[in-house]
Amino acid sequence: MEDGYVSSTFLLVTDKYATSIISAIGIIVNIIGCFQLMAKSEREKMFSWMLSATLLFDIFYLAFKLMYSLEELCISVPNEYLKIYHTMSNFGVRFFLTSTTLMMVAMGH
């Protein structure tokens, strides 16, 4: 077996199936977290608002990641729109990952 050789089955399972499952679980957990942070007793705290914004950015990040990983499995995109589909999904992933990171930095100060 060669060094650096990864089978296409392993890449399919980790990049498509595992990413999809983890993203779906993450979206559900983040939605539950947003609802708990917006409870009546937690609404007055500024930290709860900032954490809710971070969770929302993370929900959008996971949604774009899910959209990107499901492209080959169940979303049929015509070939003429495939390039724009990848561009939009990559933009969404990078934008919301950066937004989540910057919100975490803002909460740290």
C-alpha atoms as a PDB file:
ATOM      1  CA  MET A   1       0.000   0.000   0.000  1.00  0.00           C
ATOM      2  CA  GLU A   2       1.366   3.415  -0.974  1.00  0.00           C
ATOM      3  CA  ASP A   3       1.911   6.268   1.449  1.00  0.00           C
ATOM      4  CA  GLY A   4      -0.683   8.996   1.000  1.00  0.00           C
ATOM      5  CA  TYR A   5      -3.124   6.682  -0.802  1.00  0.00           C
ATOM      6  CA  VAL A   6      -6.730   7.148   0.266  1.00  0.00           C
ATOM      7  CA  SER A   7      -9.443   5.105  -1.346  1.00  0.00           C
ATOM      8  CA  SER A   8     -12.322   6.814  -3.097  1.00  0.00           C
ATOM      9  CA  THR A   9     -14.783   4.925  -0.890  1.00  0.00           C
ATOM     10  CA  PHE A  10     -13.210   6.399   2.238  1.00  0.00           C
ATOM     11  CA  LEU A  11     -13.401   9.900   0.764  1.00  0.00           C
ATOM     12  CA  LEU A  12     -17.025   9.363  -0.230  1.00  0.00           C
ATOM     13  CA  VAL A  13     -17.995   8.158   3.228  1.00  0.00           C
ATOM     14  CA  THR A  14     -16.164  10.885   5.144  1.00  0.00           C
ATOM     15  CA  ASP A  15     -16.738  13.814   2.792  1.00  0.00           C
ATOM     16  CA  LYS A  16     -20.344  13.140   1.834  1.00  0.00           C
ATOM     17  CA  TYR A  17     -22.103  10.919   4.366  1.00  0.00           C
ATOM     18  CA  ALA A  18     -20.310  11.834   7.597  1.00  0.00           C
ATOM     19  CA  THR A  19     -20.336  15.556   6.801  1.00  0.00           C
ATOM     20  CA  SER A  20     -24.045  15.424   6.002  1.00  0.00           C
ATOM     21  CA  ILE A  21     -24.947  13.602   9.205  1.00  0.00           C
ATOM     22  CA  ILE A  22     -22.804  15.806  11.425  1.00  0.00           C
ATOM     23  CA  SER A  23     -24.107  18.977   9.759  1.00  0.00           C
ATOM     24  CA  ALA A  24     -27.731  17.924  10.227  1.00  0.00           C
ATOM     25  CA  ILE A  25     -27.135  17.100  13.896  1.00  0.00           C
ATOM     26  CA  GLY A  26     -25.304  20.410  14.365  1.00  0.00           C
ATOM     27  CA  ILE A  27     -28.155  22.401  12.830  1.00  0.00           C
ATOM     28  CA  ILE A  28     -30.678  20.762  15.171  1.00  0.00           C
ATOM     29  CA  VAL A  29     -28.510  21.292  18.263  1.00  0.00           C
ATOM     30  CA  ASN A  30     -27.837  24.940  17.360  1.00  0.00           C
ATOM     31  CA  ILE A  31     -31.551  25.626  16.845  1.00  0.00           C
ATOM     32  CA  ILE A  32     -32.292  24.148  20.280  1.00  0.00           C
ATOM     33  CA  GLY A  33     -29.511  26.302  21.735  1.00  0.00           C
ATOM     34  CA  CYS A  34     -30.968  29.457  20.146  1.00  0.00           C
ATOM     35  CA  PHE A  35     -34.392  28.694  21.611  1.00  0.00           C
ATOM     36  CA  GLN A  36     -32.906  28.152  25.064  1.00  0.00           C
ATOM     37  CA  LEU A  37     -30.917  31.383  24.886  1.00  0.00           C
ATOM     38  CA  MET A  38     -33.999  33.339  23.871  1.00  0.00           C
ATOM     39  CA  ALA A  39     -35.957  32.155  26.910  1.00  0.00           C
ATOM     40  CA  LYS A  40     -37.511  34.917  28.959  1.00  0.00           C
ATOM     41  CA  SER A  41     -34.921  34.759  31.747  1.00  0.00           C
ATOM     42  CA  GLU A  42     -31.948  34.871  29.356  1.00  0.00           C
ATOM     43  CA  ARG A  43     -33.147  37.650  27.035  1.00  0.00           C
ATOM     44  CA  GLU A  44     -31.810  40.534  29.119  1.00  0.00           C
ATOM     45  CA  LYS A  45     -28.188  39.394  28.987  1.00  0.00           C
ATOM     46  CA  MET A  46     -25.950  40.794  26.246  1.00  0.00           C
ATOM     47  CA  PHE A  47     -23.819  37.647  26.271  1.00  0.00           C
ATOM     48  CA  SER A  48     -26.896  35.570  25.387  1.00  0.00           C
ATOM     49  CA  TRP A  49     -27.601  37.812  22.399  1.00  0.00           C
ATOM     50  CA  MET A  50     -24.017  37.513  21.164  1.00  0.00           C
ATOM     51  CA  LEU A  51     -24.026  33.754  21.677  1.00  0.00           C
ATOM     52  CA  SER A  52     -27.334  33.497  19.794  1.00  0.00           C
ATOM     53  CA  ALA A  53     -25.832  35.434  16.879  1.00  0.00           C
ATOM     54  CA  THR A  54     -22.869  33.063  16.896  1.00  0.00           C
ATOM     55  CA  LEU A  55     -25.214  30.077  16.842  1.00  0.00           C
ATOM     56  CA  LEU A  56     -27.142  31.587  13.930  1.00  0.00           C
ATOM     57  CA  PHE A  57     -23.948  32.110  11.944  1.00  0.00           C
ATOM     58  CA  ASP A  58     -23.021  28.523  12.745  1.00  0.00           C
ATOM     59  CA  ILE A  59     -26.443  27.279  11.571  1.00  0.00           C
ATOM     60  CA  PHE A  60     -25.946  29.026   8.232  1.00  0.00           C
ATOM     61  CA  TYR A  61     -22.393  27.643   7.974  1.00  0.00           C
ATOM     62  CA  LEU A  62     -23.656  24.114   8.564  1.00  0.00           C
ATOM     63  CA  ALA A  63     -26.509  24.609   6.094  1.00  0.00           C
ATOM     64  CA  PHE A  64     -24.097  25.663   3.339  1.00  0.00           C
ATOM     65  CA  LYS A  65     -21.769  22.792   4.247  1.00  0.00           C
ATOM     66  CA  LEU A  66     -24.724  20.402   4.049  1.00  0.00           C
ATOM     67  CA  MET A  67     -25.749  21.890   0.711  1.00  0.00           C
ATOM     68  CA  TYR A  68     -22.216  21.414  -0.613  1.00  0.00           C
ATOM     69  CA  SER A  69     -21.904  17.812   0.587  1.00  0.00           C
ATOM     70  CA  LEU A  70     -25.326  16.746  -0.699  1.00  0.00           C
ATOM     71  CA  GLU A  71     -24.693  18.024  -4.234  1.00  0.00           C
ATOM     72  CA  GLU A  72     -23.578  14.670  -5.607  1.00  0.00           C
ATOM     73  CA  LEU A  73     -25.931  12.575  -3.510  1.00  0.00           C
ATOM     74  CA  CYS A  74     -29.405  14.024  -3.926  1.00  0.00           C
ATOM     75  CA  ILE A  75     -29.402  17.570  -5.321  1.00  0.00           C
ATOM     76  CA  SER A  76     -29.457  17.564  -9.101  1.00  0.00           C
ATOM     77  CA  VAL A  77     -27.751  20.658 -10.472  1.00  0.00           C
ATOM     78  CA  PRO A  78     -27.563  21.070 -14.263  1.00  0.00           C
ATOM     79  CA  ASN A  79     -24.027  21.129 -15.639  1.00  0.00           C
ATOM     80  CA  GLU A  80     -24.301  24.717 -16.872  1.00  0.00           C
ATOM     81  CA  TYR A  81     -25.090  25.902 -13.307  1.00  0.00           C
ATOM     82  CA  LEU A  82     -22.651  23.630 -11.492  1.00  0.00           C
ATOM     83  CA  LYS A  83     -19.856  26.214 -11.401  1.00  0.00           C
ATOM     84  CA  ILE A  84     -22.087  28.903  -9.884  1.00  0.00           C
ATOM     85  CA  TYR A  85     -23.490  26.353  -7.408  1.00  0.00           C
ATOM     86  CA  HIS A  86     -19.995  25.540  -6.164  1.00  0.00           C
ATOM     87  CA  THR A  87     -19.069  29.226  -6.053  1.00  0.00           C
ATOM     88  CA  MET A  88     -22.134  30.136  -3.991  1.00  0.00           C
ATOM     89  CA  SER A  89     -21.777  27.220  -1.591  1.00  0.00           C
ATOM     90  CA  ASN A  90     -18.052  27.855  -1.076  1.00  0.00           C
ATOM     91  CA  PHE A  91     -18.754  31.565  -0.524  1.00  0.00           C
ATOM     92  CA  GLY A  92     -21.416  30.734   2.066  1.00  0.00           C
ATOM     93  CA  VAL A  93     -19.163  28.283   3.892  1.00  0.00           C
ATOM     94  CA  ARG A  94     -16.250  30.722   4.061  1.00  0.00           C
ATOM     95  CA  PHE A  95     -18.349  33.797   4.909  1.00  0.00           C
ATOM     96  CA  PHE A  96     -20.253  32.196   7.765  1.00  0.00           C
ATOM     97  CA  LEU A  97     -17.172  30.420   9.136  1.00  0.00           C
ATOM     98  CA  THR A  98     -15.380  33.778   9.234  1.00  0.00           C
ATOM     99  CA  SER A  99     -18.434  35.424  10.818  1.00  0.00           C
ATOM    100  CA  THR A 100     -18.599  32.753  13.520  1.00  0.00           C
ATOM    101  CA  THR A 101     -14.909  33.179  14.262  1.00  0.00           C
ATOM    102  CA  LEU A 102     -15.179  36.982  14.459  1.00  0.00           C
ATOM    103  CA  MET A 103     -18.205  36.744  16.767  1.00  0.00           C
ATOM    104  CA  MET A 104     -16.234  34.473  19.072  1.00  0.00           C
ATOM    105  CA  VAL A 105     -13.397  37.008  19.092  1.00  0.00           C
ATOM    106  CA  ALA A 106     -15.879  39.778  19.903  1.00  0.00           C
ATOM    107  CA  MET A 107     -17.302  37.745  22.782  1.00  0.00           C
ATOM    108  CA  GLY A 108     -13.803  37.251  24.143  1.00  0.00           C
ATOM    109  CA  HIS A 109     -13.263  40.973  24.554  1.00  0.00           C
END
